[in-house]
Amino acid sequence: MNYLLDTDPAQRDDTPPDPLAVLRAANPNLEAESMPEALMELGSVTEAIVYRWLFWPDVLEIHGAIIVDLYGAGQEEIERRMSAARSSPRFDNTIEKWARIVDSFNYFEISTLFTRWCGPQDSREDVQLALAATLVPPWRAKIENTFPGTLATAQIAAPDPDLGVCIEVVQGPAFQLPDDFT
């Protein structure tokens, strides 16, 4: 599959899988006819608490870059890691190198989000794509809610056979090398 969730429909060459169909394939005994019914049948109050973070993660602005802090590292730790990368002899104060550093914090492999897998269906591309397509709209909303007017956005990354389905946060056209990084 090669599905990019983007504002330009011309970039789409497939549609995301139906989440209810994905759930039915993974849970053959599912009787739900709608996603709200599936939530009632499969979900629990306790399990729901942890998923708030997945759908509404912290979003930070660090040196002019928008970072989705999905792993909870926090502002200070991300700044420390960025400074360490900047101190590397391979960093040459170009926008390309700076973008690589920022991108390294904003690229999320769906297959690595969880350590507990419910079975082989969790490794299927259509299942991971269904989750990615479900996460992108709230991440976009969180970015816009936290930083109104920003041009940074979340999207499903171009397919990568080595990494599988990924979500990336891309910076807007005004993205530049920060003054305090030269």
N, C-alpha and C. Protein backbone atom coordinates (compact mmCIF):
# COMPACT_ATOMS: atom_id res chain seq x y z
N MET A 1 0.82 -1.19 0.00
CA MET A 1 0.00 0.00 0.00
C MET A 1 0.86 1.24 0.00
N ASN A 2 0.39 2.25 -0.64
CA ASN A 2 1.12 3.50 -0.71
C ASN A 2 0.11 4.62 -0.47
N TYR A 3 -0.22 4.82 0.79
CA TYR A 3 -1.24 5.80 1.13
C TYR A 3 -0.61 6.93 1.92
N LEU A 4 -0.72 8.14 1.42
CA LEU A 4 -0.27 9.31 2.16
C LEU A 4 -1.49 10.08 2.60
N LEU A 5 -1.61 10.28 3.91
CA LEU A 5 -2.71 11.07 4.42
C LEU A 5 -2.27 12.52 4.33
N ASP A 6 -2.73 13.20 3.33
CA ASP A 6 -2.29 14.55 3.09
C ASP A 6 -3.48 15.35 2.60
N THR A 7 -3.31 16.64 2.53
CA THR A 7 -4.41 17.49 2.09
C THR A 7 -4.59 17.45 0.58
N ASP A 8 -3.62 16.92 -0.14
CA ASP A 8 -3.71 16.87 -1.59
C ASP A 8 -4.18 15.48 -2.03
N PRO A 9 -5.46 15.31 -2.41
CA PRO A 9 -5.96 14.00 -2.79
C PRO A 9 -5.22 13.40 -3.97
N ALA A 10 -4.56 14.22 -4.78
CA ALA A 10 -3.82 13.69 -5.93
C ALA A 10 -2.64 12.83 -5.48
N GLN A 11 -2.17 13.02 -4.24
CA GLN A 11 -1.05 12.24 -3.74
C GLN A 11 -1.49 10.87 -3.24
N ARG A 12 -2.77 10.62 -3.13
CA ARG A 12 -3.26 9.35 -2.62
C ARG A 12 -3.36 8.35 -3.76
N ASP A 13 -2.80 7.17 -3.54
CA ASP A 13 -3.01 6.14 -4.52
C ASP A 13 -3.64 4.91 -3.89
N ASP A 14 -4.19 5.08 -2.72
CA ASP A 14 -4.96 4.04 -2.07
C ASP A 14 -5.74 4.70 -0.93
N THR A 15 -6.75 4.04 -0.45
CA THR A 15 -7.49 4.57 0.68
C THR A 15 -7.13 3.75 1.91
N PRO A 16 -7.21 4.36 3.09
CA PRO A 16 -6.85 3.61 4.30
C PRO A 16 -7.86 2.49 4.53
N PRO A 17 -7.43 1.42 5.17
CA PRO A 17 -8.35 0.33 5.45
C PRO A 17 -9.45 0.78 6.40
N ASP A 18 -10.60 0.16 6.27
CA ASP A 18 -11.72 0.43 7.17
C ASP A 18 -11.35 -0.09 8.56
N PRO A 19 -11.30 0.78 9.57
CA PRO A 19 -10.90 0.33 10.91
C PRO A 19 -11.78 -0.80 11.46
N LEU A 20 -13.07 -0.75 11.19
CA LEU A 20 -13.95 -1.81 11.69
C LEU A 20 -13.62 -3.14 11.01
N ALA A 21 -13.31 -3.11 9.73
CA ALA A 21 -12.92 -4.34 9.02
C ALA A 21 -11.61 -4.89 9.58
N VAL A 22 -10.68 -4.00 9.92
CA VAL A 22 -9.42 -4.43 10.52
C VAL A 22 -9.68 -5.09 11.87
N LEU A 23 -10.55 -4.49 12.68
CA LEU A 23 -10.89 -5.07 13.98
C LEU A 23 -11.58 -6.42 13.83
N ARG A 24 -12.45 -6.52 12.87
CA ARG A 24 -13.14 -7.81 12.63
C ARG A 24 -12.16 -8.89 12.21
N ALA A 25 -11.20 -8.55 11.37
CA ALA A 25 -10.20 -9.53 10.93
C ALA A 25 -9.35 -10.00 12.11
N ALA A 26 -9.05 -9.09 13.02
CA ALA A 26 -8.24 -9.43 14.18
C ALA A 26 -9.04 -10.11 15.29
N ASN A 27 -10.34 -9.85 15.33
CA ASN A 27 -11.23 -10.40 16.36
C ASN A 27 -12.44 -11.03 15.68
N PRO A 28 -12.31 -12.26 15.23
CA PRO A 28 -13.39 -12.89 14.46
C PRO A 28 -14.73 -12.96 15.19
N ASN A 29 -14.71 -12.90 16.51
CA ASN A 29 -15.96 -12.98 17.28
C ASN A 29 -16.60 -11.60 17.51
N LEU A 30 -16.00 -10.55 16.97
CA LEU A 30 -16.54 -9.21 17.14
C LEU A 30 -17.92 -9.11 16.50
N GLU A 31 -18.88 -8.65 17.27
CA GLU A 31 -20.25 -8.52 16.77
C GLU A 31 -20.62 -7.09 16.42
N ALA A 32 -19.77 -6.15 16.74
CA ALA A 32 -20.05 -4.73 16.54
C ALA A 32 -20.31 -4.41 15.08
N GLU A 33 -21.25 -3.48 14.87
CA GLU A 33 -21.58 -2.99 13.53
C GLU A 33 -21.07 -1.57 13.31
N SER A 34 -20.47 -0.97 14.34
CA SER A 34 -19.95 0.39 14.25
C SER A 34 -18.76 0.52 15.20
N MET A 35 -17.98 1.57 15.01
CA MET A 35 -16.83 1.78 15.88
C MET A 35 -17.26 2.04 17.33
N PRO A 36 -18.33 2.80 17.59
CA PRO A 36 -18.75 2.94 18.98
C PRO A 36 -19.12 1.60 19.61
N GLU A 37 -19.76 0.73 18.85
CA GLU A 37 -20.09 -0.60 19.38
C GLU A 37 -18.82 -1.41 19.61
N ALA A 38 -17.83 -1.28 18.71
CA ALA A 38 -16.57 -1.99 18.88
C ALA A 38 -15.85 -1.51 20.14
N LEU A 39 -15.90 -0.22 20.39
CA LEU A 39 -15.30 0.33 21.61
C LEU A 39 -15.95 -0.30 22.84
N MET A 40 -17.26 -0.38 22.83
CA MET A 40 -17.97 -0.96 23.98
C MET A 40 -17.63 -2.44 24.14
N GLU A 41 -17.48 -3.14 23.05
CA GLU A 41 -17.24 -4.58 23.09
C GLU A 41 -15.79 -4.94 23.41
N LEU A 42 -14.83 -4.19 22.89
CA LEU A 42 -13.42 -4.55 23.03
C LEU A 42 -12.67 -3.74 24.09
N GLY A 43 -13.13 -2.52 24.35
CA GLY A 43 -12.37 -1.63 25.21
C GLY A 43 -12.68 -1.79 26.68
N SER A 44 -11.88 -1.11 27.49
CA SER A 44 -12.13 -1.06 28.93
C SER A 44 -11.70 0.31 29.45
N VAL A 45 -12.24 0.69 30.56
CA VAL A 45 -11.92 1.99 31.16
C VAL A 45 -10.42 2.06 31.46
N THR A 46 -9.89 1.01 32.05
CA THR A 46 -8.48 1.01 32.44
C THR A 46 -7.57 1.12 31.23
N GLU A 47 -7.84 0.34 30.18
CA GLU A 47 -7.01 0.41 28.99
C GLU A 47 -7.13 1.74 28.29
N ALA A 48 -8.26 2.37 28.36
CA ALA A 48 -8.48 3.65 27.67
C ALA A 48 -7.61 4.77 28.23
N ILE A 49 -7.28 4.71 29.49
CA ILE A 49 -6.50 5.78 30.12
C ILE A 49 -5.17 6.00 29.42
N VAL A 50 -4.46 4.95 29.11
CA VAL A 50 -3.14 5.07 28.50
C VAL A 50 -3.20 5.60 27.07
N TYR A 51 -4.29 5.38 26.40
CA TYR A 51 -4.36 5.78 24.99
C TYR A 51 -4.53 7.28 24.80
N ARG A 52 -4.86 8.01 25.81
CA ARG A 52 -4.93 9.48 25.71
C ARG A 52 -3.60 10.00 25.19
N TRP A 53 -2.51 9.46 25.70
CA TRP A 53 -1.17 9.93 25.30
C TRP A 53 -0.90 9.66 23.83
N LEU A 54 -1.38 8.53 23.34
CA LEU A 54 -1.16 8.17 21.95
C LEU A 54 -1.90 9.10 21.00
N PHE A 55 -3.11 9.49 21.38
CA PHE A 55 -3.94 10.32 20.51
C PHE A 55 -3.74 11.82 20.74
N TRP A 56 -3.22 12.21 21.90
CA TRP A 56 -3.05 13.64 22.20
C TRP A 56 -1.70 13.83 22.91
N PRO A 57 -0.58 13.53 22.21
CA PRO A 57 0.74 13.61 22.85
C PRO A 57 1.16 15.06 23.10
N ASP A 58 2.17 15.23 23.93
CA ASP A 58 2.72 16.56 24.13
C ASP A 58 3.37 17.02 22.83
N VAL A 59 3.25 18.32 22.56
CA VAL A 59 3.87 18.93 21.40
C VAL A 59 4.69 20.10 21.91
N LEU A 60 5.95 20.16 21.50
CA LEU A 60 6.88 21.17 21.99
C LEU A 60 7.43 22.00 20.84
N GLU A 61 7.85 23.21 21.15
CA GLU A 61 8.59 24.03 20.19
C GLU A 61 10.00 24.15 20.75
N ILE A 62 10.97 23.68 19.99
CA ILE A 62 12.36 23.72 20.45
C ILE A 62 13.20 24.29 19.32
N HIS A 63 13.84 25.41 19.58
CA HIS A 63 14.68 26.10 18.59
C HIS A 63 13.92 26.30 17.28
N GLY A 64 12.65 26.64 17.36
CA GLY A 64 11.85 26.93 16.17
C GLY A 64 11.24 25.71 15.50
N ALA A 65 11.54 24.52 15.99
CA ALA A 65 10.99 23.29 15.41
C ALA A 65 9.84 22.77 16.27
N ILE A 66 8.84 22.23 15.62
CA ILE A 66 7.73 21.60 16.32
C ILE A 66 8.07 20.12 16.48
N ILE A 67 8.01 19.64 17.72
CA ILE A 67 8.37 18.26 18.06
C ILE A 67 7.18 17.60 18.75
N VAL A 68 6.78 16.44 18.26
CA VAL A 68 5.78 15.63 18.96
C VAL A 68 6.56 14.76 19.94
N ASP A 69 6.33 14.97 21.23
CA ASP A 69 7.06 14.25 22.27
C ASP A 69 6.29 13.00 22.67
N LEU A 70 6.16 12.08 21.75
CA LEU A 70 5.37 10.87 21.98
C LEU A 70 5.97 9.98 23.06
N TYR A 71 7.29 10.03 23.23
CA TYR A 71 7.94 9.14 24.19
C TYR A 71 8.17 9.80 25.55
N GLY A 72 7.72 11.04 25.71
CA GLY A 72 7.78 11.69 27.01
C GLY A 72 9.17 12.10 27.46
N ALA A 73 10.05 12.39 26.53
CA ALA A 73 11.41 12.80 26.90
C ALA A 73 11.43 14.16 27.59
N GLY A 74 10.56 15.06 27.16
CA GLY A 74 10.49 16.39 27.75
C GLY A 74 11.41 17.39 27.07
N GLN A 75 11.12 18.65 27.28
CA GLN A 75 11.84 19.76 26.66
C GLN A 75 13.34 19.70 26.95
N GLU A 76 13.72 19.57 28.22
CA GLU A 76 15.14 19.60 28.57
C GLU A 76 15.92 18.47 27.92
N GLU A 77 15.38 17.27 27.93
CA GLU A 77 16.08 16.12 27.36
C GLU A 77 16.21 16.26 25.84
N ILE A 78 15.16 16.71 25.19
CA ILE A 78 15.24 16.88 23.73
C ILE A 78 16.25 17.98 23.39
N GLU A 79 16.24 19.07 24.14
CA GLU A 79 17.23 20.13 23.92
C GLU A 79 18.65 19.59 24.14
N ARG A 80 18.84 18.76 25.17
CA ARG A 80 20.15 18.17 25.44
C ARG A 80 20.60 17.29 24.26
N ARG A 81 19.70 16.48 23.76
CA ARG A 81 20.03 15.61 22.63
C ARG A 81 20.32 16.42 21.37
N MET A 82 19.57 17.49 21.16
CA MET A 82 19.83 18.35 20.00
C MET A 82 21.19 19.02 20.11
N SER A 83 21.52 19.48 21.32
CA SER A 83 22.83 20.11 21.53
C SER A 83 23.96 19.12 21.30
N ALA A 84 23.77 17.88 21.77
CA ALA A 84 24.79 16.85 21.55
C ALA A 84 24.96 16.58 20.06
N ALA A 85 23.87 16.53 19.33
CA ALA A 85 23.95 16.31 17.87
C ALA A 85 24.64 17.50 17.20
N ARG A 86 24.33 18.68 17.68
CA ARG A 86 24.95 19.88 17.10
C ARG A 86 26.46 19.90 17.37
N SER A 87 26.87 19.36 18.52
CA SER A 87 28.30 19.33 18.88
C SER A 87 29.08 18.27 18.12
N SER A 88 28.38 17.41 17.45
CA SER A 88 29.03 16.35 16.68
C SER A 88 29.85 16.95 15.56
N PRO A 89 30.99 16.34 15.24
CA PRO A 89 31.79 16.83 14.12
C PRO A 89 31.05 16.72 12.78
N ARG A 90 30.03 15.88 12.72
CA ARG A 90 29.27 15.72 11.47
C ARG A 90 28.26 16.85 11.26
N PHE A 91 27.98 17.65 12.29
CA PHE A 91 27.04 18.76 12.15
C PHE A 91 27.76 19.94 11.52
N ASP A 92 27.27 20.43 10.40
CA ASP A 92 27.95 21.51 9.70
C ASP A 92 27.12 22.78 9.56
N ASN A 93 26.19 22.99 10.47
CA ASN A 93 25.37 24.20 10.49
C ASN A 93 24.65 24.50 9.19
N THR A 94 24.12 23.47 8.57
CA THR A 94 23.30 23.67 7.38
C THR A 94 21.86 23.32 7.73
N ILE A 95 20.94 23.85 6.97
CA ILE A 95 19.53 23.56 7.20
C ILE A 95 19.26 22.07 7.00
N GLU A 96 19.99 21.44 6.10
CA GLU A 96 19.79 20.01 5.85
C GLU A 96 20.15 19.18 7.09
N LYS A 97 21.27 19.49 7.72
CA LYS A 97 21.67 18.76 8.93
C LYS A 97 20.70 19.06 10.08
N TRP A 98 20.29 20.32 10.19
CA TRP A 98 19.34 20.69 11.24
C TRP A 98 18.01 19.96 11.02
N ALA A 99 17.56 19.89 9.79
CA ALA A 99 16.31 19.19 9.49
C ALA A 99 16.42 17.71 9.84
N ARG A 100 17.58 17.10 9.61
CA ARG A 100 17.77 15.69 9.98
C ARG A 100 17.65 15.49 11.48
N ILE A 101 18.22 16.41 12.24
CA ILE A 101 18.13 16.31 13.70
C ILE A 101 16.67 16.40 14.13
N VAL A 102 15.97 17.40 13.62
CA VAL A 102 14.56 17.58 13.97
C VAL A 102 13.74 16.36 13.54
N ASP A 103 13.97 15.91 12.33
CA ASP A 103 13.22 14.75 11.82
C ASP A 103 13.45 13.51 12.68
N SER A 104 14.62 13.38 13.27
CA SER A 104 14.90 12.19 14.08
C SER A 104 13.99 12.13 15.31
N PHE A 105 13.45 13.26 15.73
CA PHE A 105 12.51 13.29 16.86
C PHE A 105 11.06 13.18 16.40
N ASN A 106 10.83 13.27 15.11
CA ASN A 106 9.47 13.37 14.57
C ASN A 106 9.13 12.27 13.57
N TYR A 107 9.72 11.12 13.73
CA TYR A 107 9.46 10.00 12.82
C TYR A 107 9.11 8.80 13.70
N PHE A 108 7.92 8.26 13.50
CA PHE A 108 7.40 7.24 14.41
C PHE A 108 6.99 5.98 13.66
N GLU A 109 7.70 4.89 13.93
CA GLU A 109 7.36 3.61 13.34
C GLU A 109 6.20 3.00 14.12
N ILE A 110 5.12 2.72 13.45
CA ILE A 110 3.95 2.14 14.12
C ILE A 110 4.33 0.82 14.80
N SER A 111 5.19 0.04 14.18
CA SER A 111 5.55 -1.27 14.74
C SER A 111 6.31 -1.18 16.05
N THR A 112 6.86 -0.01 16.40
CA THR A 112 7.62 0.10 17.65
C THR A 112 6.88 0.84 18.76
N LEU A 113 5.62 1.20 18.53
CA LEU A 113 4.89 1.94 19.55
C LEU A 113 4.51 1.09 20.76
N PHE A 114 4.39 -0.21 20.56
CA PHE A 114 3.94 -1.09 21.63
C PHE A 114 4.90 -2.25 21.82
N THR A 115 5.07 -2.70 23.05
CA THR A 115 5.86 -3.91 23.30
C THR A 115 4.94 -5.13 23.42
N ARG A 116 3.68 -4.91 23.67
CA ARG A 116 2.72 -6.01 23.77
C ARG A 116 1.95 -6.09 22.46
N TRP A 117 2.01 -7.24 21.82
CA TRP A 117 1.29 -7.46 20.58
C TRP A 117 0.22 -8.50 20.83
N CYS A 118 -0.94 -8.29 20.26
CA CYS A 118 -2.07 -9.21 20.46
C CYS A 118 -2.01 -10.43 19.56
N GLY A 119 -1.11 -10.44 18.64
CA GLY A 119 -0.99 -11.58 17.72
C GLY A 119 -0.38 -11.12 16.42
N PRO A 120 -0.31 -12.03 15.45
CA PRO A 120 0.34 -11.70 14.17
C PRO A 120 -0.36 -10.58 13.40
N GLN A 121 -1.63 -10.35 13.68
CA GLN A 121 -2.33 -9.27 12.96
C GLN A 121 -1.72 -7.91 13.26
N ASP A 122 -1.08 -7.74 14.42
CA ASP A 122 -0.48 -6.45 14.74
C ASP A 122 0.67 -6.09 13.82
N SER A 123 1.27 -7.06 13.17
CA SER A 123 2.38 -6.78 12.26
C SER A 123 1.94 -6.58 10.82
N ARG A 124 0.65 -6.76 10.56
CA ARG A 124 0.16 -6.59 9.20
C ARG A 124 0.15 -5.11 8.82
N GLU A 125 0.52 -4.84 7.57
CA GLU A 125 0.57 -3.46 7.09
C GLU A 125 -0.79 -2.77 7.15
N ASP A 126 -1.87 -3.47 6.79
CA ASP A 126 -3.18 -2.82 6.80
C ASP A 126 -3.61 -2.44 8.21
N VAL A 127 -3.24 -3.25 9.19
CA VAL A 127 -3.57 -2.95 10.58
C VAL A 127 -2.78 -1.72 11.03
N GLN A 128 -1.49 -1.69 10.74
CA GLN A 128 -0.67 -0.55 11.13
C GLN A 128 -1.09 0.72 10.39
N LEU A 129 -1.47 0.58 9.14
CA LEU A 129 -1.94 1.74 8.37
C LEU A 129 -3.25 2.28 8.94
N ALA A 130 -4.12 1.37 9.39
CA ALA A 130 -5.38 1.82 10.00
C ALA A 130 -5.10 2.62 11.26
N LEU A 131 -4.13 2.18 12.06
CA LEU A 131 -3.78 2.94 13.27
C LEU A 131 -3.17 4.29 12.89
N ALA A 132 -2.24 4.28 11.95
CA ALA A 132 -1.60 5.53 11.54
C ALA A 132 -2.63 6.53 11.03
N ALA A 133 -3.55 6.07 10.19
CA ALA A 133 -4.59 6.95 9.65
C ALA A 133 -5.51 7.46 10.75
N THR A 134 -5.64 6.72 11.82
CA THR A 134 -6.45 7.14 12.96
C THR A 134 -5.72 8.18 13.81
N LEU A 135 -4.39 8.09 13.88
CA LEU A 135 -3.61 9.00 14.73
C LEU A 135 -3.33 10.35 14.09
N VAL A 136 -3.19 10.40 12.77
CA VAL A 136 -2.79 11.64 12.12
C VAL A 136 -3.74 12.81 12.39
N PRO A 137 -5.07 12.66 12.25
CA PRO A 137 -5.93 13.82 12.50
C PRO A 137 -5.83 14.40 13.92
N PRO A 138 -5.82 13.59 15.00
CA PRO A 138 -5.67 14.22 16.31
C PRO A 138 -4.28 14.83 16.52
N TRP A 139 -3.24 14.24 15.93
CA TRP A 139 -1.92 14.85 16.05
C TRP A 139 -1.89 16.20 15.34
N ARG A 140 -2.51 16.27 14.17
CA ARG A 140 -2.58 17.57 13.47
C ARG A 140 -3.33 18.58 14.32
N ALA A 141 -4.43 18.14 14.92
CA ALA A 141 -5.23 19.04 15.76
C ALA A 141 -4.42 19.49 16.97
N LYS A 142 -3.66 18.58 17.57
CA LYS A 142 -2.85 18.94 18.74
C LYS A 142 -1.78 19.95 18.36
N ILE A 143 -1.13 19.74 17.24
CA ILE A 143 -0.11 20.69 16.77
C ILE A 143 -0.73 22.07 16.56
N GLU A 144 -1.86 22.11 15.86
CA GLU A 144 -2.53 23.39 15.58
C GLU A 144 -3.07 24.03 16.86
N ASN A 145 -3.58 23.21 17.78
CA ASN A 145 -4.11 23.70 19.05
C ASN A 145 -3.01 24.30 19.91
N THR A 146 -1.85 23.67 19.91
CA THR A 146 -0.73 24.11 20.74
C THR A 146 -0.01 25.30 20.11
N PHE A 147 0.13 25.27 18.80
CA PHE A 147 0.84 26.33 18.07
C PHE A 147 -0.03 26.82 16.92
N PRO A 148 -1.06 27.63 17.22
CA PRO A 148 -1.97 28.10 16.16
C PRO A 148 -1.21 28.79 15.03
N GLY A 149 -1.60 28.47 13.82
CA GLY A 149 -1.00 29.09 12.66
C GLY A 149 0.27 28.42 12.17
N THR A 150 0.77 27.43 12.91
CA THR A 150 1.98 26.75 12.44
C THR A 150 1.70 25.99 11.16
N LEU A 151 2.71 25.85 10.35
CA LEU A 151 2.57 25.08 9.12
C LEU A 151 3.11 23.67 9.28
N ALA A 152 3.61 23.34 10.48
CA ALA A 152 4.03 21.97 10.75
C ALA A 152 2.79 21.09 10.77
N THR A 153 2.94 19.85 10.33
CA THR A 153 1.80 18.94 10.30
C THR A 153 2.26 17.50 10.43
N ALA A 154 1.34 16.64 10.78
CA ALA A 154 1.60 15.20 10.85
C ALA A 154 1.02 14.56 9.59
N GLN A 155 1.69 13.52 9.12
CA GLN A 155 1.20 12.78 7.96
C GLN A 155 1.77 11.38 7.98
N ILE A 156 1.16 10.50 7.22
CA ILE A 156 1.73 9.17 7.06
C ILE A 156 2.92 9.32 6.11
N ALA A 157 4.05 8.77 6.53
CA ALA A 157 5.28 8.90 5.74
C ALA A 157 5.21 8.05 4.47
N ALA A 158 6.01 8.43 3.53
CA ALA A 158 6.13 7.63 2.31
C ALA A 158 6.54 6.21 2.70
N PRO A 159 6.06 5.23 1.98
CA PRO A 159 6.36 3.83 2.34
C PRO A 159 7.87 3.56 2.38
N ASP A 160 8.25 2.78 3.38
CA ASP A 160 9.64 2.36 3.52
C ASP A 160 9.62 0.87 3.86
N PRO A 161 10.08 0.02 2.96
CA PRO A 161 9.99 -1.42 3.19
C PRO A 161 10.77 -1.89 4.42
N ASP A 162 11.78 -1.13 4.83
CA ASP A 162 12.55 -1.52 6.01
C ASP A 162 11.90 -1.12 7.32
N LEU A 163 11.14 -0.04 7.33
CA LEU A 163 10.55 0.48 8.56
C LEU A 163 9.06 0.18 8.69
N GLY A 164 8.41 -0.11 7.61
CA GLY A 164 6.97 -0.33 7.65
C GLY A 164 6.22 0.99 7.68
N VAL A 165 5.03 0.97 8.22
CA VAL A 165 4.18 2.16 8.27
C VAL A 165 4.71 3.12 9.33
N CYS A 166 4.87 4.38 8.95
CA CYS A 166 5.40 5.41 9.86
C CYS A 166 4.58 6.68 9.76
N ILE A 167 4.58 7.44 10.84
CA ILE A 167 4.02 8.79 10.86
C ILE A 167 5.19 9.74 11.00
N GLU A 168 5.12 10.84 10.27
CA GLU A 168 6.16 11.86 10.39
C GLU A 168 5.51 13.21 10.65
N VAL A 169 6.24 14.05 11.36
CA VAL A 169 5.83 15.43 11.56
C VAL A 169 6.77 16.26 10.70
N VAL A 170 6.20 16.97 9.75
CA VAL A 170 7.01 17.78 8.84
C VAL A 170 6.84 19.25 9.20
N GLN A 171 7.94 19.97 9.07
CA GLN A 171 7.96 21.40 9.40
C GLN A 171 7.44 22.19 8.21
N GLY A 172 7.01 23.40 8.46
CA GLY A 172 6.49 24.25 7.41
C GLY A 172 7.61 24.87 6.57
N PRO A 173 7.22 25.59 5.52
CA PRO A 173 8.21 26.18 4.60
C PRO A 173 9.09 27.25 5.26
N ALA A 174 8.66 27.81 6.38
CA ALA A 174 9.45 28.84 7.05
C ALA A 174 10.51 28.23 7.98
N PHE A 175 10.61 26.92 8.01
CA PHE A 175 11.58 26.22 8.86
C PHE A 175 12.99 26.65 8.48
N GLN A 176 13.79 27.01 9.49
CA GLN A 176 15.14 27.47 9.21
C GLN A 176 16.08 27.09 10.34
N LEU A 177 17.36 27.21 10.07
CA LEU A 177 18.38 26.96 11.06
C LEU A 177 18.27 28.04 12.14
N PRO A 178 18.13 27.65 13.40
CA PRO A 178 17.97 28.68 14.45
C PRO A 178 19.25 29.50 14.64
N ASP A 179 19.07 30.78 14.97
CA ASP A 179 20.21 31.67 15.18
C ASP A 179 21.14 31.15 16.28
N ASP A 180 20.55 30.61 17.34
CA ASP A 180 21.38 30.18 18.47
C ASP A 180 22.03 28.82 18.21
N PHE A 181 21.91 28.29 17.00
CA PHE A 181 22.54 27.02 16.66
C PHE A 181 23.73 27.19 15.75
N THR A 182 24.15 28.44 15.47
CA THR A 182 25.29 28.64 14.58
C THR A 182 26.57 28.77 15.36
